[in-house]
C-alpha atoms as a PDB file:
ATOM      1  CA  UNK A   1       0.254   0.187   0.132  1.00  0.00           C
ATOM      2  CA  UNK A   2       1.242   3.891  -0.805  1.00  0.00           C
ATOM      3  CA  UNK A   3       0.178   6.322   1.518  1.00  0.00           C
ATOM      4  CA  UNK A   4      -0.231   9.648  -0.340  1.00  0.00           C
ATOM      5  CA  UNK A   5       2.089  12.465   1.101  1.00  0.00           C
ATOM      6  CA  UNK A   6       1.050  14.229   2.819  1.00  0.00           C
ATOM      7  CA  UNK A   7      -0.325  12.366   4.828  1.00  0.00           C
ATOM      8  CA  UNK A   8      -4.347  12.347   4.054  1.00  0.00           C
ATOM      9  CA  UNK A   9      -7.757  10.664   4.649  1.00  0.00           C
ATOM     10  CA  UNK A  10     -10.250  10.265   1.627  1.00  0.00           C
ATOM     11  CA  UNK A  11     -13.645  10.613   1.355  1.00  0.00           C
ATOM     12  CA  UNK A  12     -14.633   7.194   2.347  1.00  0.00           C
ATOM     13  CA  UNK A  13     -12.310   7.818   5.864  1.00  0.00           C
ATOM     14  CA  UNK A  14      -9.709   5.215   4.975  1.00  0.00           C
ATOM     15  CA  UNK A  15      -5.574   6.899   4.361  1.00  0.00           C
ATOM     16  CA  UNK A  16      -5.441   7.765   1.088  1.00  0.00           C
ATOM     17  CA  UNK A  17      -3.307   5.684  -1.355  1.00  0.00           C
ATOM     18  CA  UNK A  18      -1.896   6.164  -4.475  1.00  0.00           C
ATOM     19  CA  UNK A  19      -0.408   4.351  -7.060  1.00  0.00           C
ATOM     20  CA  UNK A  20       3.380   3.493  -7.186  1.00  0.00           C
ATOM     21  CA  UNK A  21       4.657   5.615  -9.096  1.00  0.00           C
ATOM     22  CA  UNK A  22       2.877   8.728  -7.659  1.00  0.00           C
ATOM     23  CA  UNK A  23       4.488   7.508  -4.236  1.00  0.00           C
ATOM     24  CA  UNK A  24       7.794   7.318  -5.734  1.00  0.00           C
ATOM     25  CA  UNK A  25       8.006  11.141  -6.817  1.00  0.00           C
ATOM     26  CA  UNK A  26       6.225  11.991  -3.717  1.00  0.00           C
ATOM     27  CA  UNK A  27       9.484   9.852  -2.273  1.00  0.00           C
ATOM     28  CA  UNK A  28      11.663  11.678  -4.089  1.00  0.00           C
ATOM     29  CA  UNK A  29      10.215  14.819  -3.308  1.00  0.00           C
ATOM     30  CA  UNK A  30      10.673  14.126   0.735  1.00  0.00           C
ATOM     31  CA  UNK A  31      14.251  12.754   0.528  1.00  0.00           C
ATOM     32  CA  UNK A  32      15.029  16.542  -1.738  1.00  0.00           C
ATOM     33  CA  UNK A  33      13.791  19.163   0.627  1.00  0.00           C
ATOM     34  CA  UNK A  34      13.835  17.493   4.274  1.00  0.00           C
ATOM     35  CA  UNK A  35      17.445  19.222   6.140  1.00  0.00           C
ATOM     36  CA  UNK A  36      18.987  16.295   7.946  1.00  0.00           C
ATOM     37  CA  UNK A  37      17.932  16.796  11.344  1.00  0.00           C
ATOM     38  CA  UNK A  38      14.539  18.204  10.244  1.00  0.00           C
ATOM     39  CA  UNK A  39      13.396  13.958  11.606  1.00  0.00           C
ATOM     40  CA  UNK A  40      13.512  13.505  15.221  1.00  0.00           C
ATOM     41  CA  UNK A  41      13.725   9.615  14.536  1.00  0.00           C
ATOM     42  CA  UNK A  42      16.430   9.958  11.436  1.00  0.00           C
ATOM     43  CA  UNK A  43      18.507  12.564  11.782  1.00  0.00           C
ATOM     44  CA  UNK A  44      20.552  11.627   9.082  1.00  0.00           C
ATOM     45  CA  UNK A  45      17.482  11.410   6.655  1.00  0.00           C
ATOM     46  CA  UNK A  46      16.879  13.926   3.715  1.00  0.00           C
ATOM     47  CA  UNK A  47      19.084  15.813   0.872  1.00  0.00           C
ATOM     48  CA  UNK A  48      20.766  19.794   2.626  1.00  0.00           C
ATOM     49  CA  UNK A  49      20.063  21.526  -0.415  1.00  0.00           C
ATOM     50  CA  UNK A  50      18.492  24.760   1.502  1.00  0.00           C
ATOM     51  CA  UNK A  51      21.671  25.055   3.443  1.00  0.00           C
ATOM     52  CA  UNK A  52      22.852  26.058  -0.348  1.00  0.00           C
ATOM     53  CA  UNK A  53      20.139  28.772  -0.368  1.00  0.00           C
ATOM     54  CA  UNK A  54      22.563  31.794  -0.011  1.00  0.00           C
ATOM     55  CA  UNK A  55      25.267  30.809  -1.870  1.00  0.00           C
ATOM     56  CA  UNK A  56      26.213  32.323  -4.972  1.00  0.00           C
ATOM     57  CA  UNK A  57      24.642  31.131  -8.431  1.00  0.00           C
ATOM     58  CA  UNK A  58      27.430  29.364 -10.415  1.00  0.00           C
ATOM     59  CA  UNK A  59      28.357  26.446 -12.229  1.00  0.00           C
ATOM     60  CA  UNK A  60      29.833  25.637  -8.895  1.00  0.00           C
ATOM     61  CA  UNK A  61      26.844  25.519  -6.673  1.00  0.00           C
ATOM     62  CA  UNK A  62      25.025  23.585  -9.051  1.00  0.00           C
ATOM     63  CA  UNK A  63      27.247  21.004  -9.322  1.00  0.00           C
ATOM     64  CA  UNK A  64      27.853  20.614  -4.934  1.00  0.00           C
ATOM     65  CA  UNK A  65      23.574  20.504  -5.071  1.00  0.00           C
ATOM     66  CA  UNK A  66      23.769  17.405  -8.069  1.00  0.00           C
ATOM     67  CA  UNK A  67      26.275  15.623  -6.128  1.00  0.00           C
ATOM     68  CA  UNK A  68      24.318  15.794  -2.187  1.00  0.00           C
ATOM     69  CA  UNK A  69      21.029  15.221  -4.216  1.00  0.00           C
ATOM     70  CA  UNK A  70      22.519  12.025  -6.208  1.00  0.00           C
ATOM     71  CA  UNK A  71      23.795  10.974  -2.404  1.00  0.00           C
ATOM     72  CA  UNK A  72      21.041  11.342  -0.897  1.00  0.00           C
ATOM     73  CA  UNK A  73      18.715   9.289  -3.924  1.00  0.00           C
ATOM     74  CA  UNK A  74      21.003   6.528  -3.707  1.00  0.00           C
ATOM     75  CA  UNK A  75      21.180   6.383   0.217  1.00  0.00           C
ATOM     76  CA  UNK A  76      17.377   6.131   0.965  1.00  0.00           C
ATOM     77  CA  UNK A  77      15.749   5.036  -2.521  1.00  0.00           C
ATOM     78  CA  UNK A  78      18.701   2.891  -3.742  1.00  0.00           C
ATOM     79  CA  UNK A  79      16.939  -0.283  -3.280  1.00  0.00           C
ATOM     80  CA  UNK A  80      12.987   1.776  -4.943  1.00  0.00           C
ATOM     81  CA  UNK A  81      14.675   3.456  -7.931  1.00  0.00           C
ATOM     82  CA  UNK A  82      17.897   3.046 -10.128  1.00  0.00           C
ATOM     83  CA  UNK A  83      19.505   6.842 -10.341  1.00  0.00           C
ATOM     84  CA  UNK A  84      20.635   7.041 -13.859  1.00  0.00           C
ATOM     85  CA  UNK A  85      20.773  11.396 -13.667  1.00  0.00           C
ATOM     86  CA  UNK A  86      20.813  14.527 -11.835  1.00  0.00           C
ATOM     87  CA  UNK A  87      20.303  17.951 -13.764  1.00  0.00           C
ATOM     88  CA  UNK A  88      20.413  21.195 -11.890  1.00  0.00           C
ATOM     89  CA  UNK A  89      19.846  24.377 -12.637  1.00  0.00           C
ATOM     90  CA  UNK A  90      19.804  27.489 -10.746  1.00  0.00           C
ATOM     91  CA  UNK A  91      18.260  31.286 -12.272  1.00  0.00           C
ATOM     92  CA  UNK A  92      17.403  33.659 -10.046  1.00  0.00           C
ATOM     93  CA  UNK A  93      15.618  32.689  -7.423  1.00  0.00           C
ATOM     94  CA  UNK A  94      14.476  29.738  -8.210  1.00  0.00           C
ATOM     95  CA  UNK A  95      16.200  26.233  -8.307  1.00  0.00           C
ATOM     96  CA  UNK A  96      14.903  23.603 -10.924  1.00  0.00           C
ATOM     97  CA  UNK A  97      16.467  19.642  -9.732  1.00  0.00           C
ATOM     98  CA  UNK A  98      15.085  17.037 -12.906  1.00  0.00           C
ATOM     99  CA  UNK A  99      16.184  13.703 -12.147  1.00  0.00           C
ATOM    100  CA  UNK A 100      15.533  10.620 -14.784  1.00  0.00           C
ATOM    101  CA  UNK A 101      15.928   6.981 -12.883  1.00  0.00           C
ATOM    102  CA  UNK A 102      14.065   3.415 -13.658  1.00  0.00           C
ATOM    103  CA  UNK A 103      12.028   1.927 -11.067  1.00  0.00           C
ATOM    104  CA  UNK A 104      13.596  -1.170  -9.758  1.00  0.00           C
ATOM    105  CA  UNK A 105       9.941  -3.202  -9.337  1.00  0.00           C
ATOM    106  CA  UNK A 106       8.676  -2.810 -12.272  1.00  0.00           C
ATOM    107  CA  UNK A 107      11.811  -1.082 -15.258  1.00  0.00           C
ATOM    108  CA  UNK A 108       9.562   1.878 -15.948  1.00  0.00           C
ATOM    109  CA  UNK A 109      12.128   4.916 -16.764  1.00  0.00           C
ATOM    110  CA  UNK A 110      10.965   8.091 -15.236  1.00  0.00           C
ATOM    111  CA  UNK A 111      11.708  11.560 -14.809  1.00  0.00           C
ATOM    112  CA  UNK A 112      10.627  13.897 -12.297  1.00  0.00           C
ATOM    113  CA  UNK A 113      11.299  17.884 -12.111  1.00  0.00           C
ATOM    114  CA  UNK A 114      11.141  19.691  -9.441  1.00  0.00           C
ATOM    115  CA  UNK A 115      11.503  23.555  -9.377  1.00  0.00           C
ATOM    116  CA  UNK A 116      11.497  25.659  -5.895  1.00  0.00           C
ATOM    117  CA  UNK A 117      11.805  29.286  -5.800  1.00  0.00           C
ATOM    118  CA  UNK A 118      15.179  29.404  -2.954  1.00  0.00           C
ATOM    119  CA  UNK A 119      15.452  32.150  -0.294  1.00  0.00           C
ATOM    120  CA  UNK A 120      12.631  31.707   1.475  1.00  0.00           C
ATOM    121  CA  UNK A 121      10.284  29.201   3.493  1.00  0.00           C
ATOM    122  CA  UNK A 122       9.783  27.273   0.003  1.00  0.00           C
ATOM    123  CA  UNK A 123      12.709  25.472  -0.337  1.00  0.00           C
END
């Protein structure tokens, strides 16, 4: 059973579930935008890209974020996805992360794109 994120109750009063493909995208989003130390029982969970918010826009910053994302996804979701590529771009106050991966259970290739405004609470 794949529980929706964020957690919610459906119209019948049961825990809302989702497809495996959508659940994986939601898990990736949790890894990307959770800061290490944010979860009490898993203090090392997350990616840590929020700490990069105040760094100067540059290819070096994009590369650091890319490495952080790759490491976190391999650590936390390596048994669910086979990571193929991670592309990171920052433009003005917008961070874009595009991830290409293979779902291990179905061998289906997916591309997910996450866009966040940086410099505030949205990251």
